[in-house]
PDB file of N, CA and C in Angstrom:
ATOM      1  N   UNK A   1     242.703  77.267 149.898  1.00  0.00           N
ATOM      2  CA  UNK A   1     242.596  78.120 148.725  1.00  0.00           C
ATOM      3  C   UNK A   1     242.012  77.341 147.555  1.00  0.00           C
ATOM      4  N   UNK A   2     241.124  77.977 146.850  1.00  0.00           N
ATOM      5  CA  UNK A   2     240.558  77.364 145.649  1.00  0.00           C
ATOM      6  C   UNK A   2     241.501  77.584 144.471  1.00  0.00           C
ATOM      7  N   UNK A   3     241.508  76.624 143.573  1.00  0.00           N
ATOM      8  CA  UNK A   3     242.364  76.712 142.389  1.00  0.00           C
ATOM      9  C   UNK A   3     241.508  76.702 141.137  1.00  0.00           C
ATOM     10  N   UNK A   4     241.944  77.452 140.145  1.00  0.00           N
ATOM     11  CA  UNK A   4     241.277  77.494 138.843  1.00  0.00           C
ATOM     12  C   UNK A   4     242.338  77.279 137.775  1.00  0.00           C
ATOM     13  N   UNK A   5     242.073  76.332 136.893  1.00  0.00           N
ATOM     14  CA  UNK A   5     242.949  76.073 135.754  1.00  0.00           C
ATOM     15  C   UNK A   5     242.226  76.515 134.489  1.00  0.00           C
ATOM     16  N   UNK A   6     242.884  77.314 133.694  1.00  0.00           N
ATOM     17  CA  UNK A   6     242.322  77.780 132.424  1.00  0.00           C
ATOM     18  C   UNK A   6     243.214  77.243 131.318  1.00  0.00           C
ATOM     19  N   UNK A   7     242.630  76.431 130.454  1.00  0.00           N
ATOM     20  CA  UNK A   7     243.366  75.867 129.332  1.00  0.00           C
ATOM     21  C   UNK A   7     242.489  75.984 128.096  1.00  0.00           C
ATOM     22  N   UNK A   8     242.924  76.757 127.133  1.00  0.00           N
ATOM     23  CA  UNK A   8     242.110  76.956 125.939  1.00  0.00           C
ATOM     24  C   UNK A   8     242.881  77.678 124.861  1.00  0.00           C
ATOM     25  N   UNK A   9     242.132  78.291 123.952  1.00  0.00           N
ATOM     26  CA  UNK A   9     242.778  78.998 122.858  1.00  0.00           C
ATOM     27  C   UNK A   9     241.888  80.110 122.317  1.00  0.00           C
ATOM     28  N   UNK A  10     242.527  81.102 121.730  1.00  0.00           N
ATOM     29  CA  UNK A  10     241.825  82.089 120.917  1.00  0.00           C
ATOM     30  C   UNK A  10     241.849  81.507 119.517  1.00  0.00           C
ATOM     31  N   UNK A  11     240.691  81.060 119.059  1.00  0.00           N
ATOM     32  CA  UNK A  11     240.640  80.289 117.820  1.00  0.00           C
ATOM     33  C   UNK A  11     240.640  81.150 116.568  1.00  0.00           C
ATOM     34  N   UNK A  12     239.704  82.107 116.473  1.00  0.00           N
ATOM     35  CA  UNK A  12     239.571  82.841 115.215  1.00  0.00           C
ATOM     36  C   UNK A  12     238.789  84.131 115.417  1.00  0.00           C
ATOM     37  N   UNK A  13     238.766  84.944 114.367  1.00  0.00           N
ATOM     38  CA  UNK A  13     237.971  86.178 114.338  1.00  0.00           C
ATOM     39  C   UNK A  13     237.371  86.305 112.944  1.00  0.00           C
ATOM     40  N   UNK A  14     236.109  86.731 112.883  1.00  0.00           N
ATOM     41  CA  UNK A  14     235.501  86.917 111.565  1.00  0.00           C
ATOM     42  C   UNK A  14     234.555  88.112 111.573  1.00  0.00           C
ATOM     43  N   UNK A  15     234.092  88.474 110.386  1.00  0.00           N
ATOM     44  CA  UNK A  15     233.140  89.578 110.169  1.00  0.00           C
ATOM     45  C   UNK A  15     233.753  90.947 110.441  1.00  0.00           C
ATOM     46  N   UNK A  16     235.046  91.107 110.236  1.00  0.00           N
ATOM     47  CA  UNK A  16     235.667  92.415 110.417  1.00  0.00           C
ATOM     48  C   UNK A  16     235.874  93.144 109.094  1.00  0.00           C
ATOM     49  N   UNK A  17     235.717  92.462 107.970  1.00  0.00           N
ATOM     50  CA  UNK A  17     235.815  93.114 106.677  1.00  0.00           C
ATOM     51  C   UNK A  17     237.231  93.441 106.249  1.00  0.00           C
ATOM     52  N   UNK A  18     238.215  93.140 107.053  1.00  0.00           N
ATOM     53  CA  UNK A  18     239.619  93.373 106.714  1.00  0.00           C
ATOM     54  C   UNK A  18     240.386  92.089 106.949  1.00  0.00           C
ATOM     55  N   UNK A  19     241.546  91.999 106.316  1.00  0.00           N
ATOM     56  CA  UNK A  19     242.422  90.886 106.641  1.00  0.00           C
ATOM     57  C   UNK A  19     243.642  91.451 107.358  1.00  0.00           C
ATOM     58  N   UNK A  20     244.648  90.640 107.549  1.00  0.00           N
ATOM     59  CA  UNK A  20     245.811  90.980 108.367  1.00  0.00           C
ATOM     60  C   UNK A  20     245.379  91.311 109.804  1.00  0.00           C
ATOM     61  N   UNK A  21     244.684  90.381 110.418  1.00  0.00           N
ATOM     62  CA  UNK A  21     244.169  90.584 111.772  1.00  0.00           C
ATOM     63  C   UNK A  21     245.033  89.873 112.808  1.00  0.00           C
ATOM     64  N   UNK A  22     245.099  90.460 113.993  1.00  0.00           N
ATOM     65  CA  UNK A  22     245.687  89.793 115.151  1.00  0.00           C
ATOM     66  C   UNK A  22     244.880  90.197 116.376  1.00  0.00           C
ATOM     67  N   UNK A  23     245.034  89.456 117.458  1.00  0.00           N
ATOM     68  CA  UNK A  23     244.329  89.752 118.708  1.00  0.00           C
ATOM     69  C   UNK A  23     245.337  89.972 119.823  1.00  0.00           C
ATOM     70  N   UNK A  24     245.059  90.969 120.634  1.00  0.00           N
ATOM     71  CA  UNK A  24     245.789  91.177 121.885  1.00  0.00           C
ATOM     72  C   UNK A  24     244.826  90.829 123.010  1.00  0.00           C
ATOM     73  N   UNK A  25     245.320  90.109 124.000  1.00  0.00           N
ATOM     74  CA  UNK A  25     244.450  89.678 125.088  1.00  0.00           C
ATOM     75  C   UNK A  25     245.135  89.913 126.427  1.00  0.00           C
ATOM     76  N   UNK A  26     244.297  89.962 127.468  1.00  0.00           N
ATOM     77  CA  UNK A  26     244.798  90.156 128.828  1.00  0.00           C
ATOM     78  C   UNK A  26     243.803  89.538 129.799  1.00  0.00           C
ATOM     79  N   UNK A  27     244.310  88.850 130.804  1.00  0.00           N
ATOM     80  CA  UNK A  27     243.475  88.292 131.865  1.00  0.00           C
ATOM     81  C   UNK A  27     243.302  89.343 132.954  1.00  0.00           C
ATOM     82  N   UNK A  28     242.055  89.567 133.373  1.00  0.00           N
ATOM     83  CA  UNK A  28     241.745  90.496 134.453  1.00  0.00           C
ATOM     84  C   UNK A  28     241.111  89.707 135.599  1.00  0.00           C
ATOM     85  N   UNK A  29     241.575  89.964 136.821  1.00  0.00           N
ATOM     86  CA  UNK A  29     241.006  89.316 138.005  1.00  0.00           C
ATOM     87  C   UNK A  29     240.869  90.342 139.119  1.00  0.00           C
ATOM     88  N   UNK A  30     240.144  89.950 140.155  1.00  0.00           N
ATOM     89  CA  UNK A  30     240.010  90.789 141.339  1.00  0.00           C
ATOM     90  C   UNK A  30     241.239  90.691 142.227  1.00  0.00           C
ATOM     91  N   UNK A  31     241.193  91.411 143.340  1.00  0.00           N
ATOM     92  CA  UNK A  31     242.341  91.494 144.232  1.00  0.00           C
ATOM     93  C   UNK A  31     242.681  90.217 144.975  1.00  0.00           C
ATOM     94  N   UNK A  32     241.730  89.308 145.154  1.00  0.00           N
ATOM     95  CA  UNK A  32     241.981  88.090 145.905  1.00  0.00           C
ATOM     96  C   UNK A  32     242.570  86.957 145.080  1.00  0.00           C
ATOM     97  N   UNK A  33     242.926  87.229 143.834  1.00  0.00           N
ATOM     98  CA  UNK A  33     243.439  86.196 142.930  1.00  0.00           C
ATOM     99  C   UNK A  33     244.949  86.335 142.757  1.00  0.00           C
ATOM    100  N   UNK A  34     245.600  85.171 142.560  1.00  0.00           N
ATOM    101  CA  UNK A  34     247.044  85.162 142.315  1.00  0.00           C
ATOM    102  C   UNK A  34     247.354  84.165 141.205  1.00  0.00           C
ATOM    103  N   UNK A  35     248.220  84.571 140.293  1.00  0.00           N
ATOM    104  CA  UNK A  35     248.644  83.692 139.200  1.00  0.00           C
ATOM    105  C   UNK A  35     249.794  82.835 139.703  1.00  0.00           C
ATOM    106  N   UNK A  36     249.601  81.518 139.666  1.00  0.00           N
ATOM    107  CA  UNK A  36     250.640  80.578 140.076  1.00  0.00           C
ATOM    108  C   UNK A  36     251.562  80.288 138.903  1.00  0.00           C
ATOM    109  N   UNK A  37     250.954  80.065 137.746  1.00  0.00           N
ATOM    110  CA  UNK A  37     251.732  79.705 136.569  1.00  0.00           C
ATOM    111  C   UNK A  37     250.994  80.165 135.319  1.00  0.00           C
ATOM    112  N   UNK A  38     251.760  80.591 134.324  1.00  0.00           N
ATOM    113  CA  UNK A  38     251.180  80.987 133.048  1.00  0.00           C
ATOM    114  C   UNK A  38     251.376  82.464 132.756  1.00  0.00           C
ATOM    115  N   UNK A  39     251.067  82.832 131.544  1.00  0.00           N
ATOM    116  CA  UNK A  39     251.212  84.205 131.061  1.00  0.00           C
ATOM    117  C   UNK A  39     249.836  84.855 131.042  1.00  0.00           C
ATOM    118  N   UNK A  40     249.724  86.081 131.570  1.00  0.00           N
ATOM    119  CA  UNK A  40     248.419  86.730 131.728  1.00  0.00           C
ATOM    120  C   UNK A  40     248.063  87.678 130.584  1.00  0.00           C
ATOM    121  N   UNK A  41     248.944  87.848 129.618  1.00  0.00           N
ATOM    122  CA  UNK A  41     248.606  88.666 128.452  1.00  0.00           C
ATOM    123  C   UNK A  41     249.441  88.211 127.263  1.00  0.00           C
ATOM    124  N   UNK A  42     249.011  88.617 126.077  1.00  0.00           N
ATOM    125  CA  UNK A  42     249.753  88.209 124.901  1.00  0.00           C
ATOM    126  C   UNK A  42     249.132  88.728 123.625  1.00  0.00           C
ATOM    127  N   UNK A  43     249.721  88.300 122.527  1.00  0.00           N
ATOM    128  CA  UNK A  43     249.241  88.682 121.202  1.00  0.00           C
ATOM    129  C   UNK A  43     249.368  87.487 120.277  1.00  0.00           C
ATOM    130  N   UNK A  44     248.355  87.297 119.448  1.00  0.00           N
ATOM    131  CA  UNK A  44     248.386  86.214 118.472  1.00  0.00           C
ATOM    132  C   UNK A  44     249.268  86.617 117.298  1.00  0.00           C
ATOM    133  N   UNK A  45     249.528  85.679 116.426  1.00  0.00           N
ATOM    134  CA  UNK A  45     250.185  86.026 115.174  1.00  0.00           C
ATOM    135  C   UNK A  45     249.181  86.760 114.285  1.00  0.00           C
ATOM    136  N   UNK A  46     249.668  87.431 113.265  1.00  0.00           N
ATOM    137  CA  UNK A  46     248.794  88.112 112.311  1.00  0.00           C
ATOM    138  C   UNK A  46     248.445  87.134 111.205  1.00  0.00           C
ATOM    139  N   UNK A  47     247.155  86.937 110.977  1.00  0.00           N
ATOM    140  CA  UNK A  47     246.701  86.021 109.935  1.00  0.00           C
ATOM    141  C   UNK A  47     246.292  86.825 108.708  1.00  0.00           C
ATOM    142  N   UNK A  48     246.655  86.316 107.563  1.00  0.00           N
ATOM    143  CA  UNK A  48     246.306  86.950 106.293  1.00  0.00           C
ATOM    144  C   UNK A  48     245.481  85.967 105.476  1.00  0.00           C
ATOM    145  N   UNK A  49     244.173  85.889 105.754  1.00  0.00           N
ATOM    146  CA  UNK A  49     243.339  84.939 105.016  1.00  0.00           C
ATOM    147  C   UNK A  49     243.201  85.365 103.561  1.00  0.00           C
ATOM    148  N   UNK A  50     243.375  84.420 102.663  1.00  0.00           N
ATOM    149  CA  UNK A  50     243.275  84.753 101.239  1.00  0.00           C
ATOM    150  C   UNK A  50     241.949  84.310 100.642  1.00  0.00           C
ATOM    151  N   UNK A  51     241.312  83.328 101.237  1.00  0.00           N
ATOM    152  CA  UNK A  51     240.070  82.809 100.668  1.00  0.00           C
ATOM    153  C   UNK A  51     238.874  83.171 101.540  1.00  0.00           C
ATOM    154  N   UNK A  52     238.982  82.956 102.827  1.00  0.00           N
ATOM    155  CA  UNK A  52     237.862  83.157 103.734  1.00  0.00           C
ATOM    156  C   UNK A  52     237.992  84.492 104.459  1.00  0.00           C
ATOM    157  N   UNK A  53     236.889  84.976 104.991  1.00  0.00           N
ATOM    158  CA  UNK A  53     236.909  86.212 105.771  1.00  0.00           C
ATOM    159  C   UNK A  53     237.317  85.962 107.214  1.00  0.00           C
ATOM    160  N   UNK A  54     237.488  84.710 107.579  1.00  0.00           N
ATOM    161  CA  UNK A  54     237.823  84.371 108.958  1.00  0.00           C
ATOM    162  C   UNK A  54     239.337  84.263 109.119  1.00  0.00           C
ATOM    163  N   UNK A  55     239.862  84.928 110.145  1.00  0.00           N
ATOM    164  CA  UNK A  55     241.285  84.846 110.472  1.00  0.00           C
ATOM    165  C   UNK A  55     241.459  83.802 111.576  1.00  0.00           C
ATOM    166  N   UNK A  56     242.364  82.863 111.367  1.00  0.00           N
ATOM    167  CA  UNK A  56     242.596  81.791 112.336  1.00  0.00           C
ATOM    168  C   UNK A  56     243.879  82.058 113.112  1.00  0.00           C
ATOM    169  N   UNK A  57     243.809  81.862 114.437  1.00  0.00           N
ATOM    170  CA  UNK A  57     244.954  82.121 115.303  1.00  0.00           C
ATOM    171  C   UNK A  57     245.422  80.869 116.037  1.00  0.00           C
ATOM    172  N   UNK A  58     244.497  80.105 116.621  1.00  0.00           N
ATOM    173  CA  UNK A  58     244.822  78.928 117.440  1.00  0.00           C
ATOM    174  C   UNK A  58     245.894  79.279 118.478  1.00  0.00           C
ATOM    175  N   UNK A  59     245.699  80.409 119.161  1.00  0.00           N
ATOM    176  CA  UNK A  59     246.659  80.910 120.147  1.00  0.00           C
ATOM    177  C   UNK A  59     246.331  80.313 121.523  1.00  0.00           C
ATOM    178  N   UNK A  60     247.269  79.576 122.117  1.00  0.00           N
ATOM    179  CA  UNK A  60     246.974  78.902 123.387  1.00  0.00           C
ATOM    180  C   UNK A  60     246.954  79.852 124.583  1.00  0.00           C
ATOM    181  N   UNK A  61     246.082  79.530 125.533  1.00  0.00           N
ATOM    182  CA  UNK A  61     246.049  80.196 126.834  1.00  0.00           C
ATOM    183  C   UNK A  61     246.067  79.091 127.882  1.00  0.00           C
ATOM    184  N   UNK A  62     247.039  79.136 128.793  1.00  0.00           N
ATOM    185  CA  UNK A  62     247.185  78.095 129.808  1.00  0.00           C
ATOM    186  C   UNK A  62     247.607  78.755 131.122  1.00  0.00           C
ATOM    187  N   UNK A  63     246.692  78.779 132.089  1.00  0.00           N
ATOM    188  CA  UNK A  63     246.926  79.485 133.347  1.00  0.00           C
ATOM    189  C   UNK A  63     246.518  78.644 134.549  1.00  0.00           C
ATOM    190  N   UNK A  64     247.199  78.873 135.647  1.00  0.00           N
ATOM    191  CA  UNK A  64     246.855  78.261 136.931  1.00  0.00           C
ATOM    192  C   UNK A  64     246.721  79.404 137.927  1.00  0.00           C
ATOM    193  N   UNK A  65     245.530  79.549 138.519  1.00  0.00           N
ATOM    194  CA  UNK A  65     245.239  80.625 139.459  1.00  0.00           C
ATOM    195  C   UNK A  65     244.817  80.052 140.803  1.00  0.00           C
ATOM    196  N   UNK A  66     245.058  80.807 141.863  1.00  0.00           N
ATOM    197  CA  UNK A  66     244.526  80.468 143.183  1.00  0.00           C
ATOM    198  C   UNK A  66     243.801  81.696 143.724  1.00  0.00           C
ATOM    199  N   UNK A  67     242.815  81.437 144.599  1.00  0.00           N
ATOM    200  CA  UNK A  67     242.034  82.533 145.153  1.00  0.00           C
ATOM    201  C   UNK A  67     241.511  82.176 146.535  1.00  0.00           C
ATOM    202  N   UNK A  68     241.229  83.207 147.306  1.00  0.00           N
ATOM    203  CA  UNK A  68     240.571  83.048 148.597  1.00  0.00           C
ATOM    204  C   UNK A  68     239.112  83.461 148.509  1.00  0.00           C
ATOM    205  N   UNK A  69     238.700  84.010 147.376  1.00  0.00           N
ATOM    206  CA  UNK A  69     237.350  84.532 147.199  1.00  0.00           C
ATOM    207  C   UNK A  69     236.893  84.303 145.763  1.00  0.00           C
ATOM    208  N   UNK A  70     235.578  84.317 145.549  1.00  0.00           N
ATOM    209  CA  UNK A  70     235.104  84.218 144.167  1.00  0.00           C
ATOM    210  C   UNK A  70     234.828  85.599 143.577  1.00  0.00           C
ATOM    211  N   UNK A  71     235.004  86.633 144.384  1.00  0.00           N
ATOM    212  CA  UNK A  71     234.834  87.987 143.859  1.00  0.00           C
ATOM    213  C   UNK A  71     235.953  88.294 142.871  1.00  0.00           C
ATOM    214  N   UNK A  72     235.629  89.042 141.846  1.00  0.00           N
ATOM    215  CA  UNK A  72     236.622  89.367 140.828  1.00  0.00           C
ATOM    216  C   UNK A  72     236.957  88.184 139.952  1.00  0.00           C
ATOM    217  N   UNK A  73     235.925  87.379 139.626  1.00  0.00           N
ATOM    218  CA  UNK A  73     236.123  86.180 138.808  1.00  0.00           C
ATOM    219  C   UNK A  73     236.891  86.537 137.535  1.00  0.00           C
ATOM    220  N   UNK A  74     237.795  85.671 137.065  1.00  0.00           N
ATOM    221  CA  UNK A  74     238.635  85.987 135.904  1.00  0.00           C
ATOM    222  C   UNK A  74     237.826  86.229 134.626  1.00  0.00           C
ATOM    223  N   UNK A  75     238.286  87.202 133.874  1.00  0.00           N
ATOM    224  CA  UNK A  75     237.716  87.462 132.556  1.00  0.00           C
ATOM    225  C   UNK A  75     238.863  87.778 131.610  1.00  0.00           C
ATOM    226  N   UNK A  76     238.616  87.540 130.345  1.00  0.00           N
ATOM    227  CA  UNK A  76     239.619  87.812 129.320  1.00  0.00           C
ATOM    228  C   UNK A  76     239.165  89.012 128.514  1.00  0.00           C
ATOM    229  N   UNK A  77     240.024  90.018 128.451  1.00  0.00           N
ATOM    230  CA  UNK A  77     239.780  91.188 127.615  1.00  0.00           C
ATOM    231  C   UNK A  77     240.513  90.966 126.299  1.00  0.00           C
ATOM    232  N   UNK A  78     239.853  91.301 125.205  1.00  0.00           N
ATOM    233  CA  UNK A  78     240.397  91.012 123.883  1.00  0.00           C
ATOM    234  C   UNK A  78     240.257  92.227 122.984  1.00  0.00           C
ATOM    235  N   UNK A  79     241.285  92.491 122.193  1.00  0.00           N
ATOM    236  CA  UNK A  79     241.250  93.543 121.179  1.00  0.00           C
ATOM    237  C   UNK A  79     241.607  92.923 119.841  1.00  0.00           C
ATOM    238  N   UNK A  80     240.898  93.313 118.785  1.00  0.00           N
ATOM    239  CA  UNK A  80     241.200  92.854 117.427  1.00  0.00           C
ATOM    240  C   UNK A  80     241.851  94.013 116.684  1.00  0.00           C
ATOM    241  N   UNK A  81     243.034  93.757 116.131  1.00  0.00           N
ATOM    242  CA  UNK A  81     243.814  94.781 115.439  1.00  0.00           C
ATOM    243  C   UNK A  81     244.013  94.411 113.978  1.00  0.00           C
ATOM    244  N   UNK A  82     244.093  95.422 113.135  1.00  0.00           N
ATOM    245  CA  UNK A  82     244.380  95.266 111.705  1.00  0.00           C
ATOM    246  C   UNK A  82     245.754  95.867 111.431  1.00  0.00           C
ATOM    247  N   UNK A  83     246.579  95.152 110.676  1.00  0.00           N
ATOM    248  CA  UNK A  83     247.891  95.646 110.250  1.00  0.00           C
ATOM    249  C   UNK A  83     247.804  95.936 108.760  1.00  0.00           C
ATOM    250  N   UNK A  84     248.106  97.171 108.356  1.00  0.00           N
ATOM    251  CA  UNK A  84     248.052  97.477 106.924  1.00  0.00           C
ATOM    252  C   UNK A  84     249.401  97.172 106.270  1.00  0.00           C
ATOM    253  N   UNK A  85     249.490  97.400 104.961  1.00  0.00           N
ATOM    254  CA  UNK A  85     250.701  97.039 104.214  1.00  0.00           C
ATOM    255  C   UNK A  85     251.895  97.919 104.581  1.00  0.00           C
ATOM    256  N   UNK A  86     251.659  99.028 105.277  1.00  0.00           N
ATOM    257  CA  UNK A  86     252.743  99.918 105.689  1.00  0.00           C
ATOM    258  C   UNK A  86     253.179  99.670 107.134  1.00  0.00           C
ATOM    259  N   UNK A  87     252.615  98.653 107.770  1.00  0.00           N
ATOM    260  CA  UNK A  87     252.984  98.307 109.136  1.00  0.00           C
ATOM    261  C   UNK A  87     252.226  99.073 110.207  1.00  0.00           C
ATOM    262  N   UNK A  88     251.272  99.888 109.808  1.00  0.00           N
ATOM    263  CA  UNK A  88     250.475 100.625 110.794  1.00  0.00           C
ATOM    264  C   UNK A  88     249.423  99.701 111.388  1.00  0.00           C
ATOM    265  N   UNK A  89     249.006 100.014 112.613  1.00  0.00           N
ATOM    266  CA  UNK A  89     248.010  99.197 113.305  1.00  0.00           C
ATOM    267  C   UNK A  89     246.766 100.025 113.588  1.00  0.00           C
ATOM    268  N   UNK A  90     245.612  99.368 113.473  1.00  0.00           N
ATOM    269  CA  UNK A  90     244.337 100.036 113.708  1.00  0.00           C
ATOM    270  C   UNK A  90     243.453  99.118 114.548  1.00  0.00           C
ATOM    271  N   UNK A  91     242.903  99.661 115.628  1.00  0.00           N
ATOM    272  CA  UNK A  91     241.998  98.893 116.477  1.00  0.00           C
ATOM    273  C   UNK A  91     240.657  98.746 115.775  1.00  0.00           C
ATOM    274  N   UNK A  92     240.223  97.497 115.578  1.00  0.00           N
ATOM    275  CA  UNK A  92     238.950  97.240 114.899  1.00  0.00           C
ATOM    276  C   UNK A  92     237.827  96.875 115.855  1.00  0.00           C
ATOM    277  N   UNK A  93     238.140  96.255 116.973  1.00  0.00           N
ATOM    278  CA  UNK A  93     237.095  95.836 117.897  1.00  0.00           C
ATOM    279  C   UNK A  93     237.680  95.430 119.235  1.00  0.00           C
ATOM    280  N   UNK A  94     236.810  95.373 120.243  1.00  0.00           N
ATOM    281  CA  UNK A  94     237.250  95.006 121.582  1.00  0.00           C
ATOM    282  C   UNK A  94     236.074  94.421 122.352  1.00  0.00           C
ATOM    283  N   UNK A  95     236.386  93.694 123.412  1.00  0.00           N
ATOM    284  CA  UNK A  95     235.350  93.115 124.256  1.00  0.00           C
ATOM    285  C   UNK A  95     235.981  92.317 125.383  1.00  0.00           C
ATOM    286  N   UNK A  96     235.139  91.797 126.263  1.00  0.00           N
ATOM    287  CA  UNK A  96     235.632  90.943 127.343  1.00  0.00           C
ATOM    288  C   UNK A  96     234.601  89.856 127.626  1.00  0.00           C
ATOM    289  N   UNK A  97     235.085  88.770 128.179  1.00  0.00           N
ATOM    290  CA  UNK A  97     234.219  87.631 128.477  1.00  0.00           C
ATOM    291  C   UNK A  97     234.726  86.952 129.750  1.00  0.00           C
ATOM    292  N   UNK A  98     233.794  86.554 130.615  1.00  0.00           N
ATOM    293  CA  UNK A  98     234.168  85.850 131.838  1.00  0.00           C
ATOM    294  C   UNK A  98     234.566  84.413 131.516  1.00  0.00           C
ATOM    295  N   UNK A  99     235.562  83.920 132.241  1.00  0.00           N
ATOM    296  CA  UNK A  99     235.942  82.515 132.149  1.00  0.00           C
ATOM    297  C   UNK A  99     234.790  81.713 132.741  1.00  0.00           C
ATOM    298  N   UNK A 100     234.341  80.628 132.078  1.00  0.00           N
ATOM    299  CA  UNK A 100     233.234  79.834 132.628  1.00  0.00           C
ATOM    300  C   UNK A 100     233.548  79.367 134.056  1.00  0.00           C
ATOM    301  N   UNK A 101     232.539  79.429 134.926  1.00  0.00           N
ATOM    302  CA  UNK A 101     232.754  79.083 136.332  1.00  0.00           C
ATOM    303  C   UNK A 101     232.468  77.617 136.635  1.00  0.00           C
ATOM    304  N   UNK A 102     231.921  76.879 135.689  1.00  0.00           N
ATOM    305  CA  UNK A 102     231.672  75.453 135.911  1.00  0.00           C
ATOM    306  C   UNK A 102     232.777  74.636 135.250  1.00  0.00           C
ATOM    307  N   UNK A 103     233.142  73.506 135.856  1.00  0.00           N
ATOM    308  CA  UNK A 103     234.210  72.694 135.281  1.00  0.00           C
ATOM    309  C   UNK A 103     233.769  72.036 133.983  1.00  0.00           C
ATOM    310  N   UNK A 104     234.745  71.666 133.180  1.00  0.00           N
ATOM    311  CA  UNK A 104     234.446  70.967 131.942  1.00  0.00           C
ATOM    312  C   UNK A 104     234.904  71.738 130.725  1.00  0.00           C
ATOM    313  N   UNK A 105     234.543  71.188 129.579  1.00  0.00           N
ATOM    314  CA  UNK A 105     234.918  71.794 128.301  1.00  0.00           C
ATOM    315  C   UNK A 105     233.841  72.776 127.869  1.00  0.00           C
ATOM    316  N   UNK A 106     234.257  73.957 127.447  1.00  0.00           N
ATOM    317  CA  UNK A 106     233.322  75.003 127.033  1.00  0.00           C
ATOM    318  C   UNK A 106     233.800  75.623 125.724  1.00  0.00           C
ATOM    319  N   UNK A 107     232.869  76.011 124.905  1.00  0.00           N
ATOM    320  CA  UNK A 107     233.181  76.808 123.722  1.00  0.00           C
ATOM    321  C   UNK A 107     232.452  78.133 123.899  1.00  0.00           C
ATOM    322  N   UNK A 108     233.216  79.214 124.039  1.00  0.00           N
ATOM    323  CA  UNK A 108     232.622  80.526 124.282  1.00  0.00           C
ATOM    324  C   UNK A 108     232.913  81.442 123.094  1.00  0.00           C
ATOM    325  N   UNK A 109     231.983  82.333 122.840  1.00  0.00           N
ATOM    326  CA  UNK A 109     232.108  83.290 121.740  1.00  0.00           C
ATOM    327  C   UNK A 109     232.080  84.692 122.315  1.00  0.00           C
ATOM    328  N   UNK A 110     232.968  85.523 121.844  1.00  0.00           N
ATOM    329  CA  UNK A 110     233.019  86.911 122.278  1.00  0.00           C
ATOM    330  C   UNK A 110     232.494  87.784 121.145  1.00  0.00           C
ATOM    331  N   UNK A 111     231.433  88.504 121.422  1.00  0.00           N
ATOM    332  CA  UNK A 111     230.917  89.469 120.456  1.00  0.00           C
ATOM    333  C   UNK A 111     231.609  90.784 120.769  1.00  0.00           C
ATOM    334  N   UNK A 112     232.374  91.288 119.814  1.00  0.00           N
ATOM    335  CA  UNK A 112     233.165  92.490 120.080  1.00  0.00           C
ATOM    336  C   UNK A 112     232.416  93.745 119.673  1.00  0.00           C
ATOM    337  N   UNK A 113     232.831  94.827 120.287  1.00  0.00           N
ATOM    338  CA  UNK A 113     232.322  96.142 119.922  1.00  0.00           C
ATOM    339  C   UNK A 113     233.241  96.696 118.848  1.00  0.00           C
ATOM    340  N   UNK A 114     232.668  97.242 117.809  1.00  0.00           N
ATOM    341  CA  UNK A 114     233.459  97.784 116.715  1.00  0.00           C
ATOM    342  C   UNK A 114     233.807  99.232 117.030  1.00  0.00           C
ATOM    343  N   UNK A 115     235.088  99.553 116.917  1.00  0.00           N
ATOM    344  CA  UNK A 115     235.538 100.923 117.126  1.00  0.00           C
ATOM    345  C   UNK A 115     235.154 101.731 115.895  1.00  0.00           C
ATOM    346  N   UNK A 116     234.196 102.629 116.053  1.00  0.00           N
ATOM    347  CA  UNK A 116     233.596 103.317 114.918  1.00  0.00           C
ATOM    348  C   UNK A 116     233.803 104.828 114.977  1.00  0.00           C
ATOM    349  N   UNK A 117     234.837 105.287 115.643  1.00  0.00           N
ATOM    350  CA  UNK A 117     235.059 106.715 115.812  1.00  0.00           C
ATOM    351  C   UNK A 117     235.812 107.258 114.602  1.00  0.00           C
ATOM    352  N   UNK A 118     235.285 108.315 113.997  1.00  0.00           N
ATOM    353  CA  UNK A 118     235.946 108.987 112.887  1.00  0.00           C
ATOM    354  C   UNK A 118     236.830 110.090 113.466  1.00  0.00           C
ATOM    355  N   UNK A 119     238.137 110.012 113.217  1.00  0.00           N
ATOM    356  CA  UNK A 119     239.056 110.987 113.800  1.00  0.00           C
ATOM    357  C   UNK A 119     238.781 112.402 113.317  1.00  0.00           C
ATOM    358  N   UNK A 120     238.268 112.554 112.097  1.00  0.00           N
ATOM    359  CA  UNK A 120     237.938 113.892 111.597  1.00  0.00           C
ATOM    360  C   UNK A 120     236.812 114.504 112.424  1.00  0.00           C
ATOM    361  N   UNK A 121     235.839 113.700 112.818  1.00  0.00           N
ATOM    362  CA  UNK A 121     234.756 114.201 113.672  1.00  0.00           C
ATOM    363  C   UNK A 121     235.285 114.616 115.041  1.00  0.00           C
ATOM    364  N   UNK A 122     236.245 113.851 115.566  1.00  0.00           N
ATOM    365  CA  UNK A 122     236.830 114.185 116.862  1.00  0.00           C
ATOM    366  C   UNK A 122     237.588 115.506 116.763  1.00  0.00           C
ATOM    367  N   UNK A 123     238.357 115.689 115.680  1.00  0.00           N
ATOM    368  CA  UNK A 123     239.094 116.944 115.493  1.00  0.00           C
ATOM    369  C   UNK A 123     238.141 118.130 115.385  1.00  0.00           C
ATOM    370  N   UNK A 124     237.029 117.967 114.670  1.00  0.00           N
ATOM    371  CA  UNK A 124     236.052 119.050 114.507  1.00  0.00           C
ATOM    372  C   UNK A 124     235.424 119.432 115.844  1.00  0.00           C
ATOM    373  N   UNK A 125     235.201 118.439 116.708  1.00  0.00           N
ATOM    374  CA  UNK A 125     234.555 118.738 117.989  1.00  0.00           C
ATOM    375  C   UNK A 125     235.462 119.540 118.914  1.00  0.00           C
ATOM    376  N   UNK A 126     236.786 119.493 118.698  1.00  0.00           N
ATOM    377  CA  UNK A 126     237.721 120.269 119.513  1.00  0.00           C
ATOM    378  C   UNK A 126     238.060 121.614 118.890  1.00  0.00           C
ATOM    379  N   UNK A 127     237.549 121.922 117.704  1.00  0.00           N
ATOM    380  CA  UNK A 127     237.850 123.200 117.025  1.00  0.00           C
ATOM    381  C   UNK A 127     236.995 124.316 117.557  1.00  0.00           C
TER     382      UNK A 127
END
């Protein structure tokens, strides 16, 4: 069986135009993969940047996987959430990125899709 070790972090998020950001993440794999050790999903703390537009998380990810196949290579799905002053949550963006398949140190960037749906438009379309 082949083994894959994933050790890294969700470092930061920027260009969302809001503060009080956090990220929810989840590891997705194919059917031939098994998690030996580690947590496959989680949420960062909420950062409230006062000076910069970038929210810093430094949230660790540490996983040990085994597989019999390379099909269904691991990827991380990520959602960026905004918390307002009343405790409500709003999805601001989402995306996914494959874990690098070559050994060594990598710095990867996830370009997220911005959730741009206006609920009033959705309500009008059902009227």
